[in-house]
Amino acid sequence: MPTEKPKLSIFCTELTGITQDKVDKGVPLQTSLMLFLKWIRDLTNNYDLTSESHCLDFKKKKCALVTWSDWDLGTCLQNECKRKRIPKPDIFNKWIDLRALYKVV
């Protein structure tokens, strides 16, 4: 939910498929991050997952965030959190870029 420019442009709607109604029903970035972290905590607890590469508990299943390019987590979220003075959760500091892997194959 954008707070500075809450009205979507036609370009943005056509590019993303996000409608004004979805934006109006959304939540601010800080709330979204909090809800996402709760969701991740619930998943990791319920399914015995870990995103820690150095975890020695072999009962835990490895998991990772996956993106299509570095833009969302490496650029956009980083800049948005910095600009709004919102701490970026550490979980967003590493991910698998499927686009980069796809280009290699």
PDB file of N, CA and C in Angstrom:
ATOM      1  N   MET A   1       0.843  -1.179   0.000  1.00  0.00           N
ATOM      2  CA  MET A   1       0.000   0.000   0.000  1.00  0.00           C
ATOM      3  C   MET A   1       0.889   1.242   0.000  1.00  0.00           C
ATOM      4  N   PRO A   2       0.930   1.942  -1.083  1.00  0.00           N
ATOM      5  CA  PRO A   2       1.734   3.162  -1.117  1.00  0.00           C
ATOM      6  C   PRO A   2       1.104   4.234  -0.211  1.00  0.00           C
ATOM      7  N   THR A   3       1.935   4.923   0.530  1.00  0.00           N
ATOM      8  CA  THR A   3       1.420   5.953   1.425  1.00  0.00           C
ATOM      9  C   THR A   3       1.665   7.361   0.884  1.00  0.00           C
ATOM     10  N   GLU A   4       2.695   7.529   0.056  1.00  0.00           N
ATOM     11  CA  GLU A   4       2.994   8.862  -0.468  1.00  0.00           C
ATOM     12  C   GLU A   4       2.175   9.183  -1.718  1.00  0.00           C
ATOM     13  N   LYS A   5       2.008   8.209  -2.590  1.00  0.00           N
ATOM     14  CA  LYS A   5       1.202   8.381  -3.809  1.00  0.00           C
ATOM     15  C   LYS A   5       0.236   7.199  -3.878  1.00  0.00           C
ATOM     16  N   PRO A   6      -0.865   7.273  -3.141  1.00  0.00           N
ATOM     17  CA  PRO A   6      -1.764   6.120  -3.021  1.00  0.00           C
ATOM     18  C   PRO A   6      -2.601   5.807  -4.267  1.00  0.00           C
ATOM     19  N   LYS A   7      -2.612   6.708  -5.250  1.00  0.00           N
ATOM     20  CA  LYS A   7      -3.380   6.446  -6.469  1.00  0.00           C
ATOM     21  C   LYS A   7      -2.465   5.881  -7.544  1.00  0.00           C
ATOM     22  N   LEU A   8      -2.812   4.704  -8.049  1.00  0.00           N
ATOM     23  CA  LEU A   8      -1.997   4.054  -9.085  1.00  0.00           C
ATOM     24  C   LEU A   8      -2.185   4.735 -10.432  1.00  0.00           C
ATOM     25  N   SER A   9      -1.127   4.746 -11.192  1.00  0.00           N
ATOM     26  CA  SER A   9      -1.229   5.235 -12.564  1.00  0.00           C
ATOM     27  C   SER A   9      -1.725   4.087 -13.447  1.00  0.00           C
ATOM     28  N   ILE A  10      -2.236   4.436 -14.587  1.00  0.00           N
ATOM     29  CA  ILE A  10      -2.677   3.417 -15.553  1.00  0.00           C
ATOM     30  C   ILE A  10      -1.479   2.554 -15.955  1.00  0.00           C
ATOM     31  N   PHE A  11      -0.325   3.188 -16.145  1.00  0.00           N
ATOM     32  CA  PHE A  11       0.895   2.460 -16.498  1.00  0.00           C
ATOM     33  C   PHE A  11       1.206   1.390 -15.459  1.00  0.00           C
ATOM     34  N   CYS A  12       1.154   1.762 -14.184  1.00  0.00           N
ATOM     35  CA  CYS A  12       1.480   0.821 -13.105  1.00  0.00           C
ATOM     36  C   CYS A  12       0.491  -0.347 -13.096  1.00  0.00           C
ATOM     37  N   THR A  13      -0.780  -0.055 -13.254  1.00  0.00           N
ATOM     38  CA  THR A  13      -1.800  -1.113 -13.285  1.00  0.00           C
ATOM     39  C   THR A  13      -1.568  -2.050 -14.463  1.00  0.00           C
ATOM     40  N   GLU A  14      -1.270  -1.496 -15.630  1.00  0.00           N
ATOM     41  CA  GLU A  14      -1.035  -2.331 -16.812  1.00  0.00           C
ATOM     42  C   GLU A  14       0.250  -3.151 -16.669  1.00  0.00           C
ATOM     43  N   LEU A  15       1.273  -2.575 -16.060  1.00  0.00           N
ATOM     44  CA  LEU A  15       2.551  -3.262 -15.894  1.00  0.00           C
ATOM     45  C   LEU A  15       2.448  -4.408 -14.897  1.00  0.00           C
ATOM     46  N   THR A  16       1.776  -4.166 -13.773  1.00  0.00           N
ATOM     47  CA  THR A  16       1.771  -5.137 -12.669  1.00  0.00           C
ATOM     48  C   THR A  16       0.491  -5.955 -12.542  1.00  0.00           C
ATOM     49  N   GLY A  17      -0.607  -5.441 -13.056  1.00  0.00           N
ATOM     50  CA  GLY A  17      -1.897  -6.105 -12.865  1.00  0.00           C
ATOM     51  C   GLY A  17      -2.521  -5.787 -11.512  1.00  0.00           C
ATOM     52  N   ILE A  18      -1.848  -4.956 -10.727  1.00  0.00           N
ATOM     53  CA  ILE A  18      -2.379  -4.555  -9.426  1.00  0.00           C
ATOM     54  C   ILE A  18      -3.452  -3.496  -9.648  1.00  0.00           C
ATOM     55  N   THR A  19      -4.605  -3.686  -9.035  1.00  0.00           N
ATOM     56  CA  THR A  19      -5.709  -2.743  -9.195  1.00  0.00           C
ATOM     57  C   THR A  19      -5.748  -1.749  -8.032  1.00  0.00           C
ATOM     58  N   GLN A  20      -6.423  -0.636  -8.246  1.00  0.00           N
ATOM     59  CA  GLN A  20      -6.572   0.373  -7.199  1.00  0.00           C
ATOM     60  C   GLN A  20      -7.294  -0.216  -5.995  1.00  0.00           C
ATOM     61  N   ASP A  21      -8.255  -1.091  -6.236  1.00  0.00           N
ATOM     62  CA  ASP A  21      -8.992  -1.727  -5.141  1.00  0.00           C
ATOM     63  C   ASP A  21      -8.046  -2.535  -4.239  1.00  0.00           C
ATOM     64  N   LYS A  22      -7.109  -3.265  -4.853  1.00  0.00           N
ATOM     65  CA  LYS A  22      -6.131  -4.032  -4.058  1.00  0.00           C
ATOM     66  C   LYS A  22      -5.256  -3.110  -3.232  1.00  0.00           C
ATOM     67  N   VAL A  23      -4.847  -1.997  -3.815  1.00  0.00           N
ATOM     68  CA  VAL A  23      -4.018  -1.030  -3.095  1.00  0.00           C
ATOM     69  C   VAL A  23      -4.794  -0.447  -1.919  1.00  0.00           C
ATOM     70  N   ASP A  24      -6.036  -0.086  -2.161  1.00  0.00           N
ATOM     71  CA  ASP A  24      -6.859   0.516  -1.105  1.00  0.00           C
ATOM     72  C   ASP A  24      -7.086  -0.440   0.065  1.00  0.00           C
ATOM     73  N   LYS A  25      -7.075  -1.723  -0.197  1.00  0.00           N
ATOM     74  CA  LYS A  25      -7.276  -2.726   0.845  1.00  0.00           C
ATOM     75  C   LYS A  25      -5.952  -3.227   1.429  1.00  0.00           C
ATOM     76  N   GLY A  26      -4.846  -2.663   0.981  1.00  0.00           N
ATOM     77  CA  GLY A  26      -3.529  -3.107   1.411  1.00  0.00           C
ATOM     78  C   GLY A  26      -3.131  -2.561   2.772  1.00  0.00           C
ATOM     79  N   VAL A  27      -1.892  -2.848   3.150  1.00  0.00           N
ATOM     80  CA  VAL A  27      -1.336  -2.364   4.413  1.00  0.00           C
ATOM     81  C   VAL A  27      -0.015  -1.659   4.117  1.00  0.00           C
ATOM     82  N   PRO A  28       0.410  -0.744   4.996  1.00  0.00           N
ATOM     83  CA  PRO A  28       1.699  -0.074   4.802  1.00  0.00           C
ATOM     84  C   PRO A  28       2.865  -1.068   4.856  1.00  0.00           C
ATOM     85  N   LEU A  29       4.007  -0.655   4.326  1.00  0.00           N
ATOM     86  CA  LEU A  29       5.188  -1.516   4.234  1.00  0.00           C
ATOM     87  C   LEU A  29       5.588  -2.111   5.579  1.00  0.00           C
ATOM     88  N   GLN A  30       5.649  -1.308   6.625  1.00  0.00           N
ATOM     89  CA  GLN A  30       6.092  -1.816   7.924  1.00  0.00           C
ATOM     90  C   GLN A  30       5.158  -2.920   8.434  1.00  0.00           C
ATOM     91  N   THR A  31       3.857  -2.754   8.227  1.00  0.00           N
ATOM     92  CA  THR A  31       2.891  -3.781   8.627  1.00  0.00           C
ATOM     93  C   THR A  31       3.056  -5.023   7.765  1.00  0.00           C
ATOM     94  N   SER A  32       3.277  -4.821   6.480  1.00  0.00           N
ATOM     95  CA  SER A  32       3.469  -5.943   5.563  1.00  0.00           C
ATOM     96  C   SER A  32       4.691  -6.776   5.945  1.00  0.00           C
ATOM     97  N   LEU A  33       5.785  -6.116   6.286  1.00  0.00           N
ATOM     98  CA  LEU A  33       6.995  -6.825   6.704  1.00  0.00           C
ATOM     99  C   LEU A  33       6.745  -7.615   7.989  1.00  0.00           C
ATOM    100  N   MET A  34       6.031  -7.003   8.934  1.00  0.00           N
ATOM    101  CA  MET A  34       5.724  -7.682  10.192  1.00  0.00           C
ATOM    102  C   MET A  34       4.864  -8.928   9.936  1.00  0.00           C
ATOM    103  N   LEU A  35       3.851  -8.802   9.080  1.00  0.00           N
ATOM    104  CA  LEU A  35       2.980  -9.939   8.752  1.00  0.00           C
ATOM    105  C   LEU A  35       3.752 -11.035   8.013  1.00  0.00           C
ATOM    106  N   PHE A  36       4.645 -10.639   7.123  1.00  0.00           N
ATOM    107  CA  PHE A  36       5.454 -11.611   6.384  1.00  0.00           C
ATOM    108  C   PHE A  36       6.358 -12.386   7.328  1.00  0.00           C
ATOM    109  N   LEU A  37       7.003 -11.680   8.258  1.00  0.00           N
ATOM    110  CA  LEU A  37       7.890 -12.347   9.213  1.00  0.00           C
ATOM    111  C   LEU A  37       7.125 -13.323  10.108  1.00  0.00           C
ATOM    112  N   LYS A  38       5.924 -12.943  10.498  1.00  0.00           N
ATOM    113  CA  LYS A  38       5.103 -13.856  11.293  1.00  0.00           C
ATOM    114  C   LYS A  38       4.766 -15.100  10.471  1.00  0.00           C
ATOM    115  N   TRP A  39       4.415 -14.912   9.213  1.00  0.00           N
ATOM    116  CA  TRP A  39       4.075 -16.023   8.317  1.00  0.00           C
ATOM    117  C   TRP A  39       5.281 -16.953   8.154  1.00  0.00           C
ATOM    118  N   ILE A  40       6.457 -16.371   7.954  1.00  0.00           N
ATOM    119  CA  ILE A  40       7.679 -17.172   7.813  1.00  0.00           C
ATOM    120  C   ILE A  40       7.973 -17.934   9.103  1.00  0.00           C
ATOM    121  N   ARG A  41       7.857 -17.267  10.256  1.00  0.00           N
ATOM    122  CA  ARG A  41       8.080 -17.947  11.542  1.00  0.00           C
ATOM    123  C   ARG A  41       7.127 -19.129  11.711  1.00  0.00           C
ATOM    124  N   ASP A  42       5.861 -18.913  11.381  1.00  0.00           N
ATOM    125  CA  ASP A  42       4.878 -19.997  11.485  1.00  0.00           C
ATOM    126  C   ASP A  42       5.246 -21.158  10.573  1.00  0.00           C
ATOM    127  N   LEU A  43       5.632 -20.869   9.344  1.00  0.00           N
ATOM    128  CA  LEU A  43       6.016 -21.926   8.402  1.00  0.00           C
ATOM    129  C   LEU A  43       7.247 -22.684   8.877  1.00  0.00           C
ATOM    130  N   THR A  44       8.257 -21.954   9.307  1.00  0.00           N
ATOM    131  CA  THR A  44       9.480 -22.630   9.731  1.00  0.00           C
ATOM    132  C   THR A  44       9.239 -23.486  10.973  1.00  0.00           C
ATOM    133  N   ASN A  45       8.387 -23.022  11.858  1.00  0.00           N
ATOM    134  CA  ASN A  45       8.066 -23.820  13.046  1.00  0.00           C
ATOM    135  C   ASN A  45       7.198 -25.028  12.713  1.00  0.00           C
ATOM    136  N   ASN A  46       6.176 -24.816  11.899  1.00  0.00           N
ATOM    137  CA  ASN A  46       5.232 -25.900  11.577  1.00  0.00           C
ATOM    138  C   ASN A  46       5.840 -26.984  10.702  1.00  0.00           C
ATOM    139  N   TYR A  47       6.780 -26.619   9.848  1.00  0.00           N
ATOM    140  CA  TYR A  47       7.350 -27.585   8.899  1.00  0.00           C
ATOM    141  C   TYR A  47       8.824 -27.892   9.172  1.00  0.00           C
ATOM    142  N   ASP A  48       9.334 -27.429  10.295  1.00  0.00           N
ATOM    143  CA  ASP A  48      10.709 -27.713  10.694  1.00  0.00           C
ATOM    144  C   ASP A  48      11.718 -27.275   9.623  1.00  0.00           C
ATOM    145  N   LEU A  49      11.600 -26.009   9.223  1.00  0.00           N
ATOM    146  CA  LEU A  49      12.443 -25.448   8.171  1.00  0.00           C
ATOM    147  C   LEU A  49      13.511 -24.538   8.753  1.00  0.00           C
ATOM    148  N   THR A  50      14.568 -24.328   7.984  1.00  0.00           N
ATOM    149  CA  THR A  50      15.584 -23.336   8.335  1.00  0.00           C
ATOM    150  C   THR A  50      16.121 -22.706   7.056  1.00  0.00           C
ATOM    151  N   SER A  51      16.450 -21.429   7.152  1.00  0.00           N
ATOM    152  CA  SER A  51      17.107 -20.750   6.030  1.00  0.00           C
ATOM    153  C   SER A  51      18.591 -20.553   6.320  1.00  0.00           C
ATOM    154  N   GLU A  52      19.041 -21.046   7.465  1.00  0.00           N
ATOM    155  CA  GLU A  52      20.442 -20.914   7.849  1.00  0.00           C
ATOM    156  C   GLU A  52      21.290 -21.967   7.138  1.00  0.00           C
ATOM    157  N   SER A  53      22.240 -21.535   6.346  1.00  0.00           N
ATOM    158  CA  SER A  53      23.077 -22.472   5.586  1.00  0.00           C
ATOM    159  C   SER A  53      24.023 -23.257   6.487  1.00  0.00           C
ATOM    160  N   HIS A  54      24.353 -22.718   7.640  1.00  0.00           N
ATOM    161  CA  HIS A  54      25.293 -23.392   8.541  1.00  0.00           C
ATOM    162  C   HIS A  54      24.585 -24.194   9.646  1.00  0.00           C
ATOM    163  N   CYS A  55      23.272 -24.393   9.514  1.00  0.00           N
ATOM    164  CA  CYS A  55      22.517 -25.138  10.527  1.00  0.00           C
ATOM    165  C   CYS A  55      22.963 -26.601  10.540  1.00  0.00           C
ATOM    166  N   LEU A  56      23.305 -27.109  11.708  1.00  0.00           N
ATOM    167  CA  LEU A  56      23.772 -28.490  11.832  1.00  0.00           C
ATOM    168  C   LEU A  56      22.673 -29.443  12.285  1.00  0.00           C
ATOM    169  N   ASP A  57      21.479 -28.934  12.470  1.00  0.00           N
ATOM    170  CA  ASP A  57      20.344 -29.789  12.851  1.00  0.00           C
ATOM    171  C   ASP A  57      19.819 -30.449  11.577  1.00  0.00           C
ATOM    172  N   PHE A  58      20.192 -31.699  11.361  1.00  0.00           N
ATOM    173  CA  PHE A  58      19.862 -32.384  10.107  1.00  0.00           C
ATOM    174  C   PHE A  58      18.388 -32.751   9.998  1.00  0.00           C
ATOM    175  N   LYS A  59      17.627 -32.558  11.073  1.00  0.00           N
ATOM    176  CA  LYS A  59      16.183 -32.793  11.013  1.00  0.00           C
ATOM    177  C   LYS A  59      15.481 -31.649  10.292  1.00  0.00           C
ATOM    178  N   LYS A  60      16.104 -30.486  10.320  1.00  0.00           N
ATOM    179  CA  LYS A  60      15.495 -29.318   9.680  1.00  0.00           C
ATOM    180  C   LYS A  60      15.703 -29.361   8.176  1.00  0.00           C
ATOM    181  N   LYS A  61      14.664 -28.946   7.458  1.00  0.00           N
ATOM    182  CA  LYS A  61      14.727 -28.882   6.005  1.00  0.00           C
ATOM    183  C   LYS A  61      15.148 -27.474   5.598  1.00  0.00           C
ATOM    184  N   LYS A  62      16.046 -27.398   4.632  1.00  0.00           N
ATOM    185  CA  LYS A  62      16.533 -26.110   4.158  1.00  0.00           C
ATOM    186  C   LYS A  62      15.469 -25.424   3.313  1.00  0.00           C
ATOM    187  N   CYS A  63      15.393 -24.106   3.442  1.00  0.00           N
ATOM    188  CA  CYS A  63      14.491 -23.313   2.613  1.00  0.00           C
ATOM    189  C   CYS A  63      15.192 -22.002   2.266  1.00  0.00           C
ATOM    190  N   ALA A  64      14.690 -21.324   1.255  1.00  0.00           N
ATOM    191  CA  ALA A  64      15.289 -20.060   0.822  1.00  0.00           C
ATOM    192  C   ALA A  64      14.231 -19.199   0.150  1.00  0.00           C
ATOM    193  N   LEU A  65      14.465 -17.892   0.174  1.00  0.00           N
ATOM    194  CA  LEU A  65      13.639 -16.981  -0.610  1.00  0.00           C
ATOM    195  C   LEU A  65      14.110 -17.078  -2.057  1.00  0.00           C
ATOM    196  N   VAL A  66      13.171 -17.021  -2.977  1.00  0.00           N
ATOM    197  CA  VAL A  66      13.493 -17.123  -4.399  1.00  0.00           C
ATOM    198  C   VAL A  66      12.842 -15.949  -5.124  1.00  0.00           C
ATOM    199  N   THR A  67      13.604 -15.305  -5.992  1.00  0.00           N
ATOM    200  CA  THR A  67      13.102 -14.158  -6.748  1.00  0.00           C
ATOM    201  C   THR A  67      13.398 -14.351  -8.233  1.00  0.00           C
ATOM    202  N   TRP A  68      12.826 -13.485  -9.032  1.00  0.00           N
ATOM    203  CA  TRP A  68      13.161 -13.422 -10.453  1.00  0.00           C
ATOM    204  C   TRP A  68      13.868 -12.088 -10.647  1.00  0.00           C
ATOM    205  N   SER A  69      15.142 -12.061 -10.416  1.00  0.00           N
ATOM    206  CA  SER A  69      16.064 -10.924 -10.472  1.00  0.00           C
ATOM    207  C   SER A  69      16.334 -10.421  -9.059  1.00  0.00           C
ATOM    208  N   ASP A  70      17.324  -9.562  -8.977  1.00  0.00           N
ATOM    209  CA  ASP A  70      17.712  -8.991  -7.692  1.00  0.00           C
ATOM    210  C   ASP A  70      16.957  -7.698  -7.381  1.00  0.00           C
ATOM    211  N   TRP A  71      16.132  -7.263  -8.293  1.00  0.00           N
ATOM    212  CA  TRP A  71      15.493  -5.944  -8.165  1.00  0.00           C
ATOM    213  C   TRP A  71      14.661  -5.802  -6.887  1.00  0.00           C
ATOM    214  N   ASP A  72      13.730  -6.714  -6.642  1.00  0.00           N
ATOM    215  CA  ASP A  72      12.795  -6.543  -5.520  1.00  0.00           C
ATOM    216  C   ASP A  72      13.493  -6.497  -4.169  1.00  0.00           C
ATOM    217  N   LEU A  73      14.344  -7.473  -3.895  1.00  0.00           N
ATOM    218  CA  LEU A  73      14.987  -7.537  -2.581  1.00  0.00           C
ATOM    219  C   LEU A  73      16.309  -6.778  -2.529  1.00  0.00           C
ATOM    220  N   GLY A  74      17.039  -6.769  -3.619  1.00  0.00           N
ATOM    221  CA  GLY A  74      18.353  -6.143  -3.618  1.00  0.00           C
ATOM    222  C   GLY A  74      18.336  -4.652  -3.848  1.00  0.00           C
ATOM    223  N   THR A  75      17.314  -4.160  -4.510  1.00  0.00           N
ATOM    224  CA  THR A  75      17.258  -2.736  -4.825  1.00  0.00           C
ATOM    225  C   THR A  75      16.016  -2.072  -4.226  1.00  0.00           C
ATOM    226  N   CYS A  76      14.855  -2.511  -4.655  1.00  0.00           N
ATOM    227  CA  CYS A  76      13.607  -1.837  -4.299  1.00  0.00           C
ATOM    228  C   CYS A  76      13.349  -1.856  -2.789  1.00  0.00           C
ATOM    229  N   LEU A  77      13.314  -3.025  -2.174  1.00  0.00           N
ATOM    230  CA  LEU A  77      13.036  -3.103  -0.741  1.00  0.00           C
ATOM    231  C   LEU A  77      14.125  -2.403   0.061  1.00  0.00           C
ATOM    232  N   GLN A  78      15.366  -2.594  -0.338  1.00  0.00           N
ATOM    233  CA  GLN A  78      16.495  -1.940   0.343  1.00  0.00           C
ATOM    234  C   GLN A  78      16.301  -0.427   0.361  1.00  0.00           C
ATOM    235  N   ASN A  79      16.026   0.163  -0.794  1.00  0.00           N
ATOM    236  CA  ASN A  79      15.868   1.613  -0.893  1.00  0.00           C
ATOM    237  C   ASN A  79      14.618   2.104  -0.157  1.00  0.00           C
ATOM    238  N   GLU A  80      13.542   1.365  -0.283  1.00  0.00           N
ATOM    239  CA  GLU A  80      12.274   1.771   0.362  1.00  0.00           C
ATOM    240  C   GLU A  80      12.410   1.759   1.885  1.00  0.00           C
ATOM    241  N   CYS A  81      13.010   0.726   2.432  1.00  0.00           N
ATOM    242  CA  CYS A  81      13.208   0.652   3.888  1.00  0.00           C
ATOM    243  C   CYS A  81      14.118   1.779   4.359  1.00  0.00           C
ATOM    244  N   LYS A  82      15.165   2.032   3.614  1.00  0.00           N
ATOM    245  CA  LYS A  82      16.112   3.097   3.979  1.00  0.00           C
ATOM    246  C   LYS A  82      15.410   4.452   3.951  1.00  0.00           C
ATOM    247  N   ARG A  83      14.665   4.698   2.898  1.00  0.00           N
ATOM    248  CA  ARG A  83      13.982   5.985   2.736  1.00  0.00           C
ATOM    249  C   ARG A  83      12.947   6.213   3.824  1.00  0.00           C
ATOM    250  N   LYS A  84      12.237   5.136   4.207  1.00  0.00           N
ATOM    251  CA  LYS A  84      11.185   5.254   5.223  1.00  0.00           C
ATOM    252  C   LYS A  84      11.699   5.000   6.632  1.00  0.00           C
ATOM    253  N   ARG A  85      13.020   4.775   6.753  1.00  0.00           N
ATOM    254  CA  ARG A  85      13.651   4.501   8.054  1.00  0.00           C
ATOM    255  C   ARG A  85      13.000   3.310   8.754  1.00  0.00           C
ATOM    256  N   ILE A  86      12.770   2.268   7.967  1.00  0.00           N
ATOM    257  CA  ILE A  86      12.229   1.005   8.485  1.00  0.00           C
ATOM    258  C   ILE A  86      13.365  -0.005   8.441  1.00  0.00           C
ATOM    259  N   PRO A  87      13.672  -0.667   9.547  1.00  0.00           N
ATOM    260  CA  PRO A  87      14.731  -1.680   9.500  1.00  0.00           C
ATOM    261  C   PRO A  87      14.342  -2.822   8.564  1.00  0.00           C
ATOM    262  N   LYS A  88      15.243  -3.142   7.645  1.00  0.00           N
ATOM    263  CA  LYS A  88      14.982  -4.257   6.735  1.00  0.00           C
ATOM    264  C   LYS A  88      15.345  -5.555   7.459  1.00  0.00           C
ATOM    265  N   PRO A  89      14.377  -6.470   7.596  1.00  0.00           N
ATOM    266  CA  PRO A  89      14.677  -7.737   8.282  1.00  0.00           C
ATOM    267  C   PRO A  89      15.803  -8.503   7.587  1.00  0.00           C
ATOM    268  N   ASP A  90      16.658  -9.139   8.387  1.00  0.00           N
ATOM    269  CA  ASP A  90      17.817  -9.866   7.865  1.00  0.00           C
ATOM    270  C   ASP A  90      17.439 -10.957   6.870  1.00  0.00           C
ATOM    271  N   ILE A  91      16.257 -11.522   6.993  1.00  0.00           N
ATOM    272  CA  ILE A  91      15.857 -12.602   6.084  1.00  0.00           C
ATOM    273  C   ILE A  91      15.880 -12.137   4.627  1.00  0.00           C
ATOM    274  N   PHE A  92      15.764 -10.835   4.394  1.00  0.00           N
ATOM    275  CA  PHE A  92      15.764 -10.299   3.037  1.00  0.00           C
ATOM    276  C   PHE A  92      17.163  -9.954   2.522  1.00  0.00           C
ATOM    277  N   ASN A  93      18.190 -10.403   3.214  1.00  0.00           N
ATOM    278  CA  ASN A  93      19.561 -10.111   2.790  1.00  0.00           C
ATOM    279  C   ASN A  93      20.164 -11.183   1.888  1.00  0.00           C
ATOM    280  N   LYS A  94      19.479 -12.312   1.743  1.00  0.00           N
ATOM    281  CA  LYS A  94      19.983 -13.348   0.819  1.00  0.00           C
ATOM    282  C   LYS A  94      18.799 -14.061   0.175  1.00  0.00           C
ATOM    283  N   TRP A  95      19.008 -14.448  -1.072  1.00  0.00           N
ATOM    284  CA  TRP A  95      17.955 -15.089  -1.841  1.00  0.00           C
ATOM    285  C   TRP A  95      18.582 -15.801  -3.025  1.00  0.00           C
ATOM    286  N   ILE A  96      17.772 -16.589  -3.686  1.00  0.00           N
ATOM    287  CA  ILE A  96      18.189 -17.258  -4.925  1.00  0.00           C
ATOM    288  C   ILE A  96      17.544 -16.505  -6.075  1.00  0.00           C
ATOM    289  N   ASP A  97      18.352 -16.053  -7.011  1.00  0.00           N
ATOM    290  CA  ASP A  97      17.860 -15.338  -8.194  1.00  0.00           C
ATOM    291  C   ASP A  97      17.668 -16.350  -9.322  1.00  0.00           C
ATOM    292  N   LEU A  98      16.423 -16.761  -9.525  1.00  0.00           N
ATOM    293  CA  LEU A  98      16.135 -17.757 -10.567  1.00  0.00           C
ATOM    294  C   LEU A  98      16.446 -17.247 -11.967  1.00  0.00           C
ATOM    295  N   ARG A  99      16.290 -15.962 -12.186  1.00  0.00           N
ATOM    296  CA  ARG A  99      16.582 -15.417 -13.514  1.00  0.00           C
ATOM    297  C   ARG A  99      18.057 -15.608 -13.849  1.00  0.00           C
ATOM    298  N   ALA A 100      18.936 -15.369 -12.877  1.00  0.00           N
ATOM    299  CA  ALA A 100      20.364 -15.555 -13.098  1.00  0.00           C
ATOM    300  C   ALA A 100      20.679 -17.036 -13.382  1.00  0.00           C
ATOM    301  N   LEU A 101      20.042 -17.923 -12.639  1.00  0.00           N
ATOM    302  CA  LEU A 101      20.241 -19.357 -12.888  1.00  0.00           C
ATOM    303  C   LEU A 101      19.712 -19.765 -14.258  1.00  0.00           C
ATOM    304  N   TYR A 102      18.564 -19.216 -14.641  1.00  0.00           N
ATOM    305  CA  TYR A 102      17.959 -19.515 -15.930  1.00  0.00           C
ATOM    306  C   TYR A 102      18.883 -19.087 -17.070  1.00  0.00           C
ATOM    307  N   LYS A 103      19.523 -17.930 -16.922  1.00  0.00           N
ATOM    308  CA  LYS A 103      20.429 -17.433 -17.956  1.00  0.00           C
ATOM    309  C   LYS A 103      21.645 -18.344 -18.130  1.00  0.00           C
ATOM    310  N   VAL A 104      22.073 -18.981 -17.050  1.00  0.00           N
ATOM    311  CA  VAL A 104      23.233 -19.874 -17.093  1.00  0.00           C
ATOM    312  C   VAL A 104      22.890 -21.158 -17.847  1.00  0.00           C
ATOM    313  N   VAL A 105      21.676 -21.633 -17.667  1.00  0.00           N
ATOM    314  CA  VAL A 105      21.264 -22.911 -18.267  1.00  0.00           C
ATOM    315  C   VAL A 105      20.901 -22.719 -19.670  1.00  0.00           C
TER     316      VAL A 105
END
